[in-house]
Amino acid sequence: QYAAGLVVSYARGNLVPRFVNAGSW
């Protein structure tokens, strides 16, 4: 659960939009 929470924090404002497909895993 700690790791899952860290990923949420790490991803905030840190994703490359052109490589992200909305609704994808």
PDBML (XML) file of the C-alpha atoms, coordinates in Angstrom:
<?xml version="1.0" encoding="UTF-8" ?>
<PDBx:datablock datablockName="MODEL"
   xmlns:PDBx="http://pdbml.pdb.org/schema/pdbx-v50.xsd"
   xmlns:xsi="http://www.w3.org/2001/XMLSchema-instance"
   xsi:schemaLocation="http://pdbml.pdb.org/schema/pdbx-v50.xsd pdbx-v50.xsd">
   <PDBx:atom_siteCategory>
      <PDBx:atom_site id="1">
         <PDBx:B_iso_or_equiv>0.00</PDBx:B_iso_or_equiv>
         <PDBx:Cartn_x>0.000</PDBx:Cartn_x>
         <PDBx:Cartn_y>0.000</PDBx:Cartn_y>
         <PDBx:Cartn_z>0.000</PDBx:Cartn_z>
         <PDBx:auth_asym_id>A</PDBx:auth_asym_id>
         <PDBx:auth_atom_id>CA</PDBx:auth_atom_id>
         <PDBx:auth_comp_id>GLN</PDBx:auth_comp_id>
         <PDBx:auth_seq_id>1</PDBx:auth_seq_id>
         <PDBx:group_PDB>ATOM</PDBx:group_PDB>
         <PDBx:label_alt_id xsi:nil="true" />
         <PDBx:label_asym_id>A</PDBx:label_asym_id>
         <PDBx:label_atom_id>CA</PDBx:label_atom_id>
         <PDBx:label_comp_id>GLN</PDBx:label_comp_id>
         <PDBx:label_entity_id>1</PDBx:label_entity_id>
         <PDBx:label_seq_id>1</PDBx:label_seq_id>
         <PDBx:occupancy>1.00</PDBx:occupancy>
         <PDBx:pdbx_PDB_model_num>1</PDBx:pdbx_PDB_model_num>
         <PDBx:type_symbol>C</PDBx:type_symbol>
      </PDBx:atom_site>
      <PDBx:atom_site id="2">
         <PDBx:B_iso_or_equiv>0.00</PDBx:B_iso_or_equiv>
         <PDBx:Cartn_x>2.893</PDBx:Cartn_x>
         <PDBx:Cartn_y>2.367</PDBx:Cartn_y>
         <PDBx:Cartn_z>0.706</PDBx:Cartn_z>
         <PDBx:auth_asym_id>A</PDBx:auth_asym_id>
         <PDBx:auth_atom_id>CA</PDBx:auth_atom_id>
         <PDBx:auth_comp_id>TYR</PDBx:auth_comp_id>
         <PDBx:auth_seq_id>2</PDBx:auth_seq_id>
         <PDBx:group_PDB>ATOM</PDBx:group_PDB>
         <PDBx:label_alt_id xsi:nil="true" />
         <PDBx:label_asym_id>A</PDBx:label_asym_id>
         <PDBx:label_atom_id>CA</PDBx:label_atom_id>
         <PDBx:label_comp_id>TYR</PDBx:label_comp_id>
         <PDBx:label_entity_id>1</PDBx:label_entity_id>
         <PDBx:label_seq_id>2</PDBx:label_seq_id>
         <PDBx:occupancy>1.00</PDBx:occupancy>
         <PDBx:pdbx_PDB_model_num>1</PDBx:pdbx_PDB_model_num>
         <PDBx:type_symbol>C</PDBx:type_symbol>
      </PDBx:atom_site>
      <PDBx:atom_site id="3">
         <PDBx:B_iso_or_equiv>0.00</PDBx:B_iso_or_equiv>
         <PDBx:Cartn_x>4.284</PDBx:Cartn_x>
         <PDBx:Cartn_y>1.722</PDBx:Cartn_y>
         <PDBx:Cartn_z>-2.783</PDBx:Cartn_z>
         <PDBx:auth_asym_id>A</PDBx:auth_asym_id>
         <PDBx:auth_atom_id>CA</PDBx:auth_atom_id>
         <PDBx:auth_comp_id>ALA</PDBx:auth_comp_id>
         <PDBx:auth_seq_id>3</PDBx:auth_seq_id>
         <PDBx:group_PDB>ATOM</PDBx:group_PDB>
         <PDBx:label_alt_id xsi:nil="true" />
         <PDBx:label_asym_id>A</PDBx:label_asym_id>
         <PDBx:label_atom_id>CA</PDBx:label_atom_id>
         <PDBx:label_comp_id>ALA</PDBx:label_comp_id>
         <PDBx:label_entity_id>1</PDBx:label_entity_id>
         <PDBx:label_seq_id>3</PDBx:label_seq_id>
         <PDBx:occupancy>1.00</PDBx:occupancy>
         <PDBx:pdbx_PDB_model_num>1</PDBx:pdbx_PDB_model_num>
         <PDBx:type_symbol>C</PDBx:type_symbol>
      </PDBx:atom_site>
      <PDBx:atom_site id="4">
         <PDBx:B_iso_or_equiv>0.00</PDBx:B_iso_or_equiv>
         <PDBx:Cartn_x>0.868</PDBx:Cartn_x>
         <PDBx:Cartn_y>2.301</PDBx:Cartn_y>
         <PDBx:Cartn_z>-4.376</PDBx:Cartn_z>
         <PDBx:auth_asym_id>A</PDBx:auth_asym_id>
         <PDBx:auth_atom_id>CA</PDBx:auth_atom_id>
         <PDBx:auth_comp_id>ALA</PDBx:auth_comp_id>
         <PDBx:auth_seq_id>4</PDBx:auth_seq_id>
         <PDBx:group_PDB>ATOM</PDBx:group_PDB>
         <PDBx:label_alt_id xsi:nil="true" />
         <PDBx:label_asym_id>A</PDBx:label_asym_id>
         <PDBx:label_atom_id>CA</PDBx:label_atom_id>
         <PDBx:label_comp_id>ALA</PDBx:label_comp_id>
         <PDBx:label_entity_id>1</PDBx:label_entity_id>
         <PDBx:label_seq_id>4</PDBx:label_seq_id>
         <PDBx:occupancy>1.00</PDBx:occupancy>
         <PDBx:pdbx_PDB_model_num>1</PDBx:pdbx_PDB_model_num>
         <PDBx:type_symbol>C</PDBx:type_symbol>
      </PDBx:atom_site>
      <PDBx:atom_site id="5">
         <PDBx:B_iso_or_equiv>0.00</PDBx:B_iso_or_equiv>
         <PDBx:Cartn_x>0.590</PDBx:Cartn_x>
         <PDBx:Cartn_y>5.641</PDBx:Cartn_y>
         <PDBx:Cartn_z>-2.567</PDBx:Cartn_z>
         <PDBx:auth_asym_id>A</PDBx:auth_asym_id>
         <PDBx:auth_atom_id>CA</PDBx:auth_atom_id>
         <PDBx:auth_comp_id>GLY</PDBx:auth_comp_id>
         <PDBx:auth_seq_id>5</PDBx:auth_seq_id>
         <PDBx:group_PDB>ATOM</PDBx:group_PDB>
         <PDBx:label_alt_id xsi:nil="true" />
         <PDBx:label_asym_id>A</PDBx:label_asym_id>
         <PDBx:label_atom_id>CA</PDBx:label_atom_id>
         <PDBx:label_comp_id>GLY</PDBx:label_comp_id>
         <PDBx:label_entity_id>1</PDBx:label_entity_id>
         <PDBx:label_seq_id>5</PDBx:label_seq_id>
         <PDBx:occupancy>1.00</PDBx:occupancy>
         <PDBx:pdbx_PDB_model_num>1</PDBx:pdbx_PDB_model_num>
         <PDBx:type_symbol>C</PDBx:type_symbol>
      </PDBx:atom_site>
      <PDBx:atom_site id="6">
         <PDBx:B_iso_or_equiv>0.00</PDBx:B_iso_or_equiv>
         <PDBx:Cartn_x>4.080</PDBx:Cartn_x>
         <PDBx:Cartn_y>6.662</PDBx:Cartn_y>
         <PDBx:Cartn_z>-3.636</PDBx:Cartn_z>
         <PDBx:auth_asym_id>A</PDBx:auth_asym_id>
         <PDBx:auth_atom_id>CA</PDBx:auth_atom_id>
         <PDBx:auth_comp_id>LEU</PDBx:auth_comp_id>
         <PDBx:auth_seq_id>6</PDBx:auth_seq_id>
         <PDBx:group_PDB>ATOM</PDBx:group_PDB>
         <PDBx:label_alt_id xsi:nil="true" />
         <PDBx:label_asym_id>A</PDBx:label_asym_id>
         <PDBx:label_atom_id>CA</PDBx:label_atom_id>
         <PDBx:label_comp_id>LEU</PDBx:label_comp_id>
         <PDBx:label_entity_id>1</PDBx:label_entity_id>
         <PDBx:label_seq_id>6</PDBx:label_seq_id>
         <PDBx:occupancy>1.00</PDBx:occupancy>
         <PDBx:pdbx_PDB_model_num>1</PDBx:pdbx_PDB_model_num>
         <PDBx:type_symbol>C</PDBx:type_symbol>
      </PDBx:atom_site>
      <PDBx:atom_site id="7">
         <PDBx:B_iso_or_equiv>0.00</PDBx:B_iso_or_equiv>
         <PDBx:Cartn_x>3.217</PDBx:Cartn_x>
         <PDBx:Cartn_y>5.981</PDBx:Cartn_y>
         <PDBx:Cartn_z>-7.269</PDBx:Cartn_z>
         <PDBx:auth_asym_id>A</PDBx:auth_asym_id>
         <PDBx:auth_atom_id>CA</PDBx:auth_atom_id>
         <PDBx:auth_comp_id>VAL</PDBx:auth_comp_id>
         <PDBx:auth_seq_id>7</PDBx:auth_seq_id>
         <PDBx:group_PDB>ATOM</PDBx:group_PDB>
         <PDBx:label_alt_id xsi:nil="true" />
         <PDBx:label_asym_id>A</PDBx:label_asym_id>
         <PDBx:label_atom_id>CA</PDBx:label_atom_id>
         <PDBx:label_comp_id>VAL</PDBx:label_comp_id>
         <PDBx:label_entity_id>1</PDBx:label_entity_id>
         <PDBx:label_seq_id>7</PDBx:label_seq_id>
         <PDBx:occupancy>1.00</PDBx:occupancy>
         <PDBx:pdbx_PDB_model_num>1</PDBx:pdbx_PDB_model_num>
         <PDBx:type_symbol>C</PDBx:type_symbol>
      </PDBx:atom_site>
      <PDBx:atom_site id="8">
         <PDBx:B_iso_or_equiv>0.00</PDBx:B_iso_or_equiv>
         <PDBx:Cartn_x>0.252</PDBx:Cartn_x>
         <PDBx:Cartn_y>8.362</PDBx:Cartn_y>
         <PDBx:Cartn_z>-7.024</PDBx:Cartn_z>
         <PDBx:auth_asym_id>A</PDBx:auth_asym_id>
         <PDBx:auth_atom_id>CA</PDBx:auth_atom_id>
         <PDBx:auth_comp_id>VAL</PDBx:auth_comp_id>
         <PDBx:auth_seq_id>8</PDBx:auth_seq_id>
         <PDBx:group_PDB>ATOM</PDBx:group_PDB>
         <PDBx:label_alt_id xsi:nil="true" />
         <PDBx:label_asym_id>A</PDBx:label_asym_id>
         <PDBx:label_atom_id>CA</PDBx:label_atom_id>
         <PDBx:label_comp_id>VAL</PDBx:label_comp_id>
         <PDBx:label_entity_id>1</PDBx:label_entity_id>
         <PDBx:label_seq_id>8</PDBx:label_seq_id>
         <PDBx:occupancy>1.00</PDBx:occupancy>
         <PDBx:pdbx_PDB_model_num>1</PDBx:pdbx_PDB_model_num>
         <PDBx:type_symbol>C</PDBx:type_symbol>
      </PDBx:atom_site>
      <PDBx:atom_site id="9">
         <PDBx:B_iso_or_equiv>0.00</PDBx:B_iso_or_equiv>
         <PDBx:Cartn_x>2.556</PDBx:Cartn_x>
         <PDBx:Cartn_y>11.054</PDBx:Cartn_y>
         <PDBx:Cartn_z>-5.635</PDBx:Cartn_z>
         <PDBx:auth_asym_id>A</PDBx:auth_asym_id>
         <PDBx:auth_atom_id>CA</PDBx:auth_atom_id>
         <PDBx:auth_comp_id>SER</PDBx:auth_comp_id>
         <PDBx:auth_seq_id>9</PDBx:auth_seq_id>
         <PDBx:group_PDB>ATOM</PDBx:group_PDB>
         <PDBx:label_alt_id xsi:nil="true" />
         <PDBx:label_asym_id>A</PDBx:label_asym_id>
         <PDBx:label_atom_id>CA</PDBx:label_atom_id>
         <PDBx:label_comp_id>SER</PDBx:label_comp_id>
         <PDBx:label_entity_id>1</PDBx:label_entity_id>
         <PDBx:label_seq_id>9</PDBx:label_seq_id>
         <PDBx:occupancy>1.00</PDBx:occupancy>
         <PDBx:pdbx_PDB_model_num>1</PDBx:pdbx_PDB_model_num>
         <PDBx:type_symbol>C</PDBx:type_symbol>
      </PDBx:atom_site>
      <PDBx:atom_site id="10">
         <PDBx:B_iso_or_equiv>0.00</PDBx:B_iso_or_equiv>
         <PDBx:Cartn_x>5.296</PDBx:Cartn_x>
         <PDBx:Cartn_y>10.356</PDBx:Cartn_y>
         <PDBx:Cartn_z>-8.177</PDBx:Cartn_z>
         <PDBx:auth_asym_id>A</PDBx:auth_asym_id>
         <PDBx:auth_atom_id>CA</PDBx:auth_atom_id>
         <PDBx:auth_comp_id>TYR</PDBx:auth_comp_id>
         <PDBx:auth_seq_id>10</PDBx:auth_seq_id>
         <PDBx:group_PDB>ATOM</PDBx:group_PDB>
         <PDBx:label_alt_id xsi:nil="true" />
         <PDBx:label_asym_id>A</PDBx:label_asym_id>
         <PDBx:label_atom_id>CA</PDBx:label_atom_id>
         <PDBx:label_comp_id>TYR</PDBx:label_comp_id>
         <PDBx:label_entity_id>1</PDBx:label_entity_id>
         <PDBx:label_seq_id>10</PDBx:label_seq_id>
         <PDBx:occupancy>1.00</PDBx:occupancy>
         <PDBx:pdbx_PDB_model_num>1</PDBx:pdbx_PDB_model_num>
         <PDBx:type_symbol>C</PDBx:type_symbol>
      </PDBx:atom_site>
      <PDBx:atom_site id="11">
         <PDBx:B_iso_or_equiv>0.00</PDBx:B_iso_or_equiv>
         <PDBx:Cartn_x>2.853</PDBx:Cartn_x>
         <PDBx:Cartn_y>10.585</PDBx:Cartn_y>
         <PDBx:Cartn_z>-11.093</PDBx:Cartn_z>
         <PDBx:auth_asym_id>A</PDBx:auth_asym_id>
         <PDBx:auth_atom_id>CA</PDBx:auth_atom_id>
         <PDBx:auth_comp_id>ALA</PDBx:auth_comp_id>
         <PDBx:auth_seq_id>11</PDBx:auth_seq_id>
         <PDBx:group_PDB>ATOM</PDBx:group_PDB>
         <PDBx:label_alt_id xsi:nil="true" />
         <PDBx:label_asym_id>A</PDBx:label_asym_id>
         <PDBx:label_atom_id>CA</PDBx:label_atom_id>
         <PDBx:label_comp_id>ALA</PDBx:label_comp_id>
         <PDBx:label_entity_id>1</PDBx:label_entity_id>
         <PDBx:label_seq_id>11</PDBx:label_seq_id>
         <PDBx:occupancy>1.00</PDBx:occupancy>
         <PDBx:pdbx_PDB_model_num>1</PDBx:pdbx_PDB_model_num>
         <PDBx:type_symbol>C</PDBx:type_symbol>
      </PDBx:atom_site>
      <PDBx:atom_site id="12">
         <PDBx:B_iso_or_equiv>0.00</PDBx:B_iso_or_equiv>
         <PDBx:Cartn_x>1.320</PDBx:Cartn_x>
         <PDBx:Cartn_y>13.927</PDBx:Cartn_y>
         <PDBx:Cartn_z>-10.057</PDBx:Cartn_z>
         <PDBx:auth_asym_id>A</PDBx:auth_asym_id>
         <PDBx:auth_atom_id>CA</PDBx:auth_atom_id>
         <PDBx:auth_comp_id>ARG</PDBx:auth_comp_id>
         <PDBx:auth_seq_id>12</PDBx:auth_seq_id>
         <PDBx:group_PDB>ATOM</PDBx:group_PDB>
         <PDBx:label_alt_id xsi:nil="true" />
         <PDBx:label_asym_id>A</PDBx:label_asym_id>
         <PDBx:label_atom_id>CA</PDBx:label_atom_id>
         <PDBx:label_comp_id>ARG</PDBx:label_comp_id>
         <PDBx:label_entity_id>1</PDBx:label_entity_id>
         <PDBx:label_seq_id>12</PDBx:label_seq_id>
         <PDBx:occupancy>1.00</PDBx:occupancy>
         <PDBx:pdbx_PDB_model_num>1</PDBx:pdbx_PDB_model_num>
         <PDBx:type_symbol>C</PDBx:type_symbol>
      </PDBx:atom_site>
      <PDBx:atom_site id="13">
         <PDBx:B_iso_or_equiv>0.00</PDBx:B_iso_or_equiv>
         <PDBx:Cartn_x>2.472</PDBx:Cartn_x>
         <PDBx:Cartn_y>16.409</PDBx:Cartn_y>
         <PDBx:Cartn_z>-12.721</PDBx:Cartn_z>
         <PDBx:auth_asym_id>A</PDBx:auth_asym_id>
         <PDBx:auth_atom_id>CA</PDBx:auth_atom_id>
         <PDBx:auth_comp_id>GLY</PDBx:auth_comp_id>
         <PDBx:auth_seq_id>13</PDBx:auth_seq_id>
         <PDBx:group_PDB>ATOM</PDBx:group_PDB>
         <PDBx:label_alt_id xsi:nil="true" />
         <PDBx:label_asym_id>A</PDBx:label_asym_id>
         <PDBx:label_atom_id>CA</PDBx:label_atom_id>
         <PDBx:label_comp_id>GLY</PDBx:label_comp_id>
         <PDBx:label_entity_id>1</PDBx:label_entity_id>
         <PDBx:label_seq_id>13</PDBx:label_seq_id>
         <PDBx:occupancy>1.00</PDBx:occupancy>
         <PDBx:pdbx_PDB_model_num>1</PDBx:pdbx_PDB_model_num>
         <PDBx:type_symbol>C</PDBx:type_symbol>
      </PDBx:atom_site>
      <PDBx:atom_site id="14">
         <PDBx:B_iso_or_equiv>0.00</PDBx:B_iso_or_equiv>
         <PDBx:Cartn_x>5.226</PDBx:Cartn_x>
         <PDBx:Cartn_y>14.019</PDBx:Cartn_y>
         <PDBx:Cartn_z>-13.818</PDBx:Cartn_z>
         <PDBx:auth_asym_id>A</PDBx:auth_asym_id>
         <PDBx:auth_atom_id>CA</PDBx:auth_atom_id>
         <PDBx:auth_comp_id>ASN</PDBx:auth_comp_id>
         <PDBx:auth_seq_id>14</PDBx:auth_seq_id>
         <PDBx:group_PDB>ATOM</PDBx:group_PDB>
         <PDBx:label_alt_id xsi:nil="true" />
         <PDBx:label_asym_id>A</PDBx:label_asym_id>
         <PDBx:label_atom_id>CA</PDBx:label_atom_id>
         <PDBx:label_comp_id>ASN</PDBx:label_comp_id>
         <PDBx:label_entity_id>1</PDBx:label_entity_id>
         <PDBx:label_seq_id>14</PDBx:label_seq_id>
         <PDBx:occupancy>1.00</PDBx:occupancy>
         <PDBx:pdbx_PDB_model_num>1</PDBx:pdbx_PDB_model_num>
         <PDBx:type_symbol>C</PDBx:type_symbol>
      </PDBx:atom_site>
      <PDBx:atom_site id="15">
         <PDBx:B_iso_or_equiv>0.00</PDBx:B_iso_or_equiv>
         <PDBx:Cartn_x>3.709</PDBx:Cartn_x>
         <PDBx:Cartn_y>12.139</PDBx:Cartn_y>
         <PDBx:Cartn_z>-16.769</PDBx:Cartn_z>
         <PDBx:auth_asym_id>A</PDBx:auth_asym_id>
         <PDBx:auth_atom_id>CA</PDBx:auth_atom_id>
         <PDBx:auth_comp_id>LEU</PDBx:auth_comp_id>
         <PDBx:auth_seq_id>15</PDBx:auth_seq_id>
         <PDBx:group_PDB>ATOM</PDBx:group_PDB>
         <PDBx:label_alt_id xsi:nil="true" />
         <PDBx:label_asym_id>A</PDBx:label_asym_id>
         <PDBx:label_atom_id>CA</PDBx:label_atom_id>
         <PDBx:label_comp_id>LEU</PDBx:label_comp_id>
         <PDBx:label_entity_id>1</PDBx:label_entity_id>
         <PDBx:label_seq_id>15</PDBx:label_seq_id>
         <PDBx:occupancy>1.00</PDBx:occupancy>
         <PDBx:pdbx_PDB_model_num>1</PDBx:pdbx_PDB_model_num>
         <PDBx:type_symbol>C</PDBx:type_symbol>
      </PDBx:atom_site>
      <PDBx:atom_site id="16">
         <PDBx:B_iso_or_equiv>0.00</PDBx:B_iso_or_equiv>
         <PDBx:Cartn_x>4.435</PDBx:Cartn_x>
         <PDBx:Cartn_y>12.759</PDBx:Cartn_y>
         <PDBx:Cartn_z>-20.442</PDBx:Cartn_z>
         <PDBx:auth_asym_id>A</PDBx:auth_asym_id>
         <PDBx:auth_atom_id>CA</PDBx:auth_atom_id>
         <PDBx:auth_comp_id>VAL</PDBx:auth_comp_id>
         <PDBx:auth_seq_id>16</PDBx:auth_seq_id>
         <PDBx:group_PDB>ATOM</PDBx:group_PDB>
         <PDBx:label_alt_id xsi:nil="true" />
         <PDBx:label_asym_id>A</PDBx:label_asym_id>
         <PDBx:label_atom_id>CA</PDBx:label_atom_id>
         <PDBx:label_comp_id>VAL</PDBx:label_comp_id>
         <PDBx:label_entity_id>1</PDBx:label_entity_id>
         <PDBx:label_seq_id>16</PDBx:label_seq_id>
         <PDBx:occupancy>1.00</PDBx:occupancy>
         <PDBx:pdbx_PDB_model_num>1</PDBx:pdbx_PDB_model_num>
         <PDBx:type_symbol>C</PDBx:type_symbol>
      </PDBx:atom_site>
      <PDBx:atom_site id="17">
         <PDBx:B_iso_or_equiv>0.00</PDBx:B_iso_or_equiv>
         <PDBx:Cartn_x>0.937</PDBx:Cartn_x>
         <PDBx:Cartn_y>13.457</PDBx:Cartn_y>
         <PDBx:Cartn_z>-21.846</PDBx:Cartn_z>
         <PDBx:auth_asym_id>A</PDBx:auth_asym_id>
         <PDBx:auth_atom_id>CA</PDBx:auth_atom_id>
         <PDBx:auth_comp_id>PRO</PDBx:auth_comp_id>
         <PDBx:auth_seq_id>17</PDBx:auth_seq_id>
         <PDBx:group_PDB>ATOM</PDBx:group_PDB>
         <PDBx:label_alt_id xsi:nil="true" />
         <PDBx:label_asym_id>A</PDBx:label_asym_id>
         <PDBx:label_atom_id>CA</PDBx:label_atom_id>
         <PDBx:label_comp_id>PRO</PDBx:label_comp_id>
         <PDBx:label_entity_id>1</PDBx:label_entity_id>
         <PDBx:label_seq_id>17</PDBx:label_seq_id>
         <PDBx:occupancy>1.00</PDBx:occupancy>
         <PDBx:pdbx_PDB_model_num>1</PDBx:pdbx_PDB_model_num>
         <PDBx:type_symbol>C</PDBx:type_symbol>
      </PDBx:atom_site>
      <PDBx:atom_site id="18">
         <PDBx:B_iso_or_equiv>0.00</PDBx:B_iso_or_equiv>
         <PDBx:Cartn_x>1.724</PDBx:Cartn_x>
         <PDBx:Cartn_y>12.409</PDBx:Cartn_y>
         <PDBx:Cartn_z>-25.415</PDBx:Cartn_z>
         <PDBx:auth_asym_id>A</PDBx:auth_asym_id>
         <PDBx:auth_atom_id>CA</PDBx:auth_atom_id>
         <PDBx:auth_comp_id>ARG</PDBx:auth_comp_id>
         <PDBx:auth_seq_id>18</PDBx:auth_seq_id>
         <PDBx:group_PDB>ATOM</PDBx:group_PDB>
         <PDBx:label_alt_id xsi:nil="true" />
         <PDBx:label_asym_id>A</PDBx:label_asym_id>
         <PDBx:label_atom_id>CA</PDBx:label_atom_id>
         <PDBx:label_comp_id>ARG</PDBx:label_comp_id>
         <PDBx:label_entity_id>1</PDBx:label_entity_id>
         <PDBx:label_seq_id>18</PDBx:label_seq_id>
         <PDBx:occupancy>1.00</PDBx:occupancy>
         <PDBx:pdbx_PDB_model_num>1</PDBx:pdbx_PDB_model_num>
         <PDBx:type_symbol>C</PDBx:type_symbol>
      </PDBx:atom_site>
      <PDBx:atom_site id="19">
         <PDBx:B_iso_or_equiv>0.00</PDBx:B_iso_or_equiv>
         <PDBx:Cartn_x>2.681</PDBx:Cartn_x>
         <PDBx:Cartn_y>8.931</PDBx:Cartn_y>
         <PDBx:Cartn_z>-24.187</PDBx:Cartn_z>
         <PDBx:auth_asym_id>A</PDBx:auth_asym_id>
         <PDBx:auth_atom_id>CA</PDBx:auth_atom_id>
         <PDBx:auth_comp_id>PHE</PDBx:auth_comp_id>
         <PDBx:auth_seq_id>19</PDBx:auth_seq_id>
         <PDBx:group_PDB>ATOM</PDBx:group_PDB>
         <PDBx:label_alt_id xsi:nil="true" />
         <PDBx:label_asym_id>A</PDBx:label_asym_id>
         <PDBx:label_atom_id>CA</PDBx:label_atom_id>
         <PDBx:label_comp_id>PHE</PDBx:label_comp_id>
         <PDBx:label_entity_id>1</PDBx:label_entity_id>
         <PDBx:label_seq_id>19</PDBx:label_seq_id>
         <PDBx:occupancy>1.00</PDBx:occupancy>
         <PDBx:pdbx_PDB_model_num>1</PDBx:pdbx_PDB_model_num>
         <PDBx:type_symbol>C</PDBx:type_symbol>
      </PDBx:atom_site>
      <PDBx:atom_site id="20">
         <PDBx:B_iso_or_equiv>0.00</PDBx:B_iso_or_equiv>
         <PDBx:Cartn_x>-0.371</PDBx:Cartn_x>
         <PDBx:Cartn_y>8.473</PDBx:Cartn_y>
         <PDBx:Cartn_z>-21.964</PDBx:Cartn_z>
         <PDBx:auth_asym_id>A</PDBx:auth_asym_id>
         <PDBx:auth_atom_id>CA</PDBx:auth_atom_id>
         <PDBx:auth_comp_id>VAL</PDBx:auth_comp_id>
         <PDBx:auth_seq_id>20</PDBx:auth_seq_id>
         <PDBx:group_PDB>ATOM</PDBx:group_PDB>
         <PDBx:label_alt_id xsi:nil="true" />
         <PDBx:label_asym_id>A</PDBx:label_asym_id>
         <PDBx:label_atom_id>CA</PDBx:label_atom_id>
         <PDBx:label_comp_id>VAL</PDBx:label_comp_id>
         <PDBx:label_entity_id>1</PDBx:label_entity_id>
         <PDBx:label_seq_id>20</PDBx:label_seq_id>
         <PDBx:occupancy>1.00</PDBx:occupancy>
         <PDBx:pdbx_PDB_model_num>1</PDBx:pdbx_PDB_model_num>
         <PDBx:type_symbol>C</PDBx:type_symbol>
      </PDBx:atom_site>
      <PDBx:atom_site id="21">
         <PDBx:B_iso_or_equiv>0.00</PDBx:B_iso_or_equiv>
         <PDBx:Cartn_x>-3.524</PDBx:Cartn_x>
         <PDBx:Cartn_y>6.874</PDBx:Cartn_y>
         <PDBx:Cartn_z>-23.325</PDBx:Cartn_z>
         <PDBx:auth_asym_id>A</PDBx:auth_asym_id>
         <PDBx:auth_atom_id>CA</PDBx:auth_atom_id>
         <PDBx:auth_comp_id>ASN</PDBx:auth_comp_id>
         <PDBx:auth_seq_id>21</PDBx:auth_seq_id>
         <PDBx:group_PDB>ATOM</PDBx:group_PDB>
         <PDBx:label_alt_id xsi:nil="true" />
         <PDBx:label_asym_id>A</PDBx:label_asym_id>
         <PDBx:label_atom_id>CA</PDBx:label_atom_id>
         <PDBx:label_comp_id>ASN</PDBx:label_comp_id>
         <PDBx:label_entity_id>1</PDBx:label_entity_id>
         <PDBx:label_seq_id>21</PDBx:label_seq_id>
         <PDBx:occupancy>1.00</PDBx:occupancy>
         <PDBx:pdbx_PDB_model_num>1</PDBx:pdbx_PDB_model_num>
         <PDBx:type_symbol>C</PDBx:type_symbol>
      </PDBx:atom_site>
      <PDBx:atom_site id="22">
         <PDBx:B_iso_or_equiv>0.00</PDBx:B_iso_or_equiv>
         <PDBx:Cartn_x>-6.490</PDBx:Cartn_x>
         <PDBx:Cartn_y>7.909</PDBx:Cartn_y>
         <PDBx:Cartn_z>-21.207</PDBx:Cartn_z>
         <PDBx:auth_asym_id>A</PDBx:auth_asym_id>
         <PDBx:auth_atom_id>CA</PDBx:auth_atom_id>
         <PDBx:auth_comp_id>ALA</PDBx:auth_comp_id>
         <PDBx:auth_seq_id>22</PDBx:auth_seq_id>
         <PDBx:group_PDB>ATOM</PDBx:group_PDB>
         <PDBx:label_alt_id xsi:nil="true" />
         <PDBx:label_asym_id>A</PDBx:label_asym_id>
         <PDBx:label_atom_id>CA</PDBx:label_atom_id>
         <PDBx:label_comp_id>ALA</PDBx:label_comp_id>
         <PDBx:label_entity_id>1</PDBx:label_entity_id>
         <PDBx:label_seq_id>22</PDBx:label_seq_id>
         <PDBx:occupancy>1.00</PDBx:occupancy>
         <PDBx:pdbx_PDB_model_num>1</PDBx:pdbx_PDB_model_num>
         <PDBx:type_symbol>C</PDBx:type_symbol>
      </PDBx:atom_site>
      <PDBx:atom_site id="23">
         <PDBx:B_iso_or_equiv>0.00</PDBx:B_iso_or_equiv>
         <PDBx:Cartn_x>-8.277</PDBx:Cartn_x>
         <PDBx:Cartn_y>4.971</PDBx:Cartn_y>
         <PDBx:Cartn_z>-19.640</PDBx:Cartn_z>
         <PDBx:auth_asym_id>A</PDBx:auth_asym_id>
         <PDBx:auth_atom_id>CA</PDBx:auth_atom_id>
         <PDBx:auth_comp_id>GLY</PDBx:auth_comp_id>
         <PDBx:auth_seq_id>23</PDBx:auth_seq_id>
         <PDBx:group_PDB>ATOM</PDBx:group_PDB>
         <PDBx:label_alt_id xsi:nil="true" />
         <PDBx:label_asym_id>A</PDBx:label_asym_id>
         <PDBx:label_atom_id>CA</PDBx:label_atom_id>
         <PDBx:label_comp_id>GLY</PDBx:label_comp_id>
         <PDBx:label_entity_id>1</PDBx:label_entity_id>
         <PDBx:label_seq_id>23</PDBx:label_seq_id>
         <PDBx:occupancy>1.00</PDBx:occupancy>
         <PDBx:pdbx_PDB_model_num>1</PDBx:pdbx_PDB_model_num>
         <PDBx:type_symbol>C</PDBx:type_symbol>
      </PDBx:atom_site>
      <PDBx:atom_site id="24">
         <PDBx:B_iso_or_equiv>0.00</PDBx:B_iso_or_equiv>
         <PDBx:Cartn_x>-5.232</PDBx:Cartn_x>
         <PDBx:Cartn_y>2.717</PDBx:Cartn_y>
         <PDBx:Cartn_z>-19.982</PDBx:Cartn_z>
         <PDBx:auth_asym_id>A</PDBx:auth_asym_id>
         <PDBx:auth_atom_id>CA</PDBx:auth_atom_id>
         <PDBx:auth_comp_id>SER</PDBx:auth_comp_id>
         <PDBx:auth_seq_id>24</PDBx:auth_seq_id>
         <PDBx:group_PDB>ATOM</PDBx:group_PDB>
         <PDBx:label_alt_id xsi:nil="true" />
         <PDBx:label_asym_id>A</PDBx:label_asym_id>
         <PDBx:label_atom_id>CA</PDBx:label_atom_id>
         <PDBx:label_comp_id>SER</PDBx:label_comp_id>
         <PDBx:label_entity_id>1</PDBx:label_entity_id>
         <PDBx:label_seq_id>24</PDBx:label_seq_id>
         <PDBx:occupancy>1.00</PDBx:occupancy>
         <PDBx:pdbx_PDB_model_num>1</PDBx:pdbx_PDB_model_num>
         <PDBx:type_symbol>C</PDBx:type_symbol>
      </PDBx:atom_site>
      <PDBx:atom_site id="25">
         <PDBx:B_iso_or_equiv>0.00</PDBx:B_iso_or_equiv>
         <PDBx:Cartn_x>-3.330</PDBx:Cartn_x>
         <PDBx:Cartn_y>0.677</PDBx:Cartn_y>
         <PDBx:Cartn_z>-17.440</PDBx:Cartn_z>
         <PDBx:auth_asym_id>A</PDBx:auth_asym_id>
         <PDBx:auth_atom_id>CA</PDBx:auth_atom_id>
         <PDBx:auth_comp_id>TRP</PDBx:auth_comp_id>
         <PDBx:auth_seq_id>25</PDBx:auth_seq_id>
         <PDBx:group_PDB>ATOM</PDBx:group_PDB>
         <PDBx:label_alt_id xsi:nil="true" />
         <PDBx:label_asym_id>A</PDBx:label_asym_id>
         <PDBx:label_atom_id>CA</PDBx:label_atom_id>
         <PDBx:label_comp_id>TRP</PDBx:label_comp_id>
         <PDBx:label_entity_id>1</PDBx:label_entity_id>
         <PDBx:label_seq_id>25</PDBx:label_seq_id>
         <PDBx:occupancy>1.00</PDBx:occupancy>
         <PDBx:pdbx_PDB_model_num>1</PDBx:pdbx_PDB_model_num>
         <PDBx:type_symbol>C</PDBx:type_symbol>
      </PDBx:atom_site>
   </PDBx:atom_siteCategory>
</PDBx:datablock>
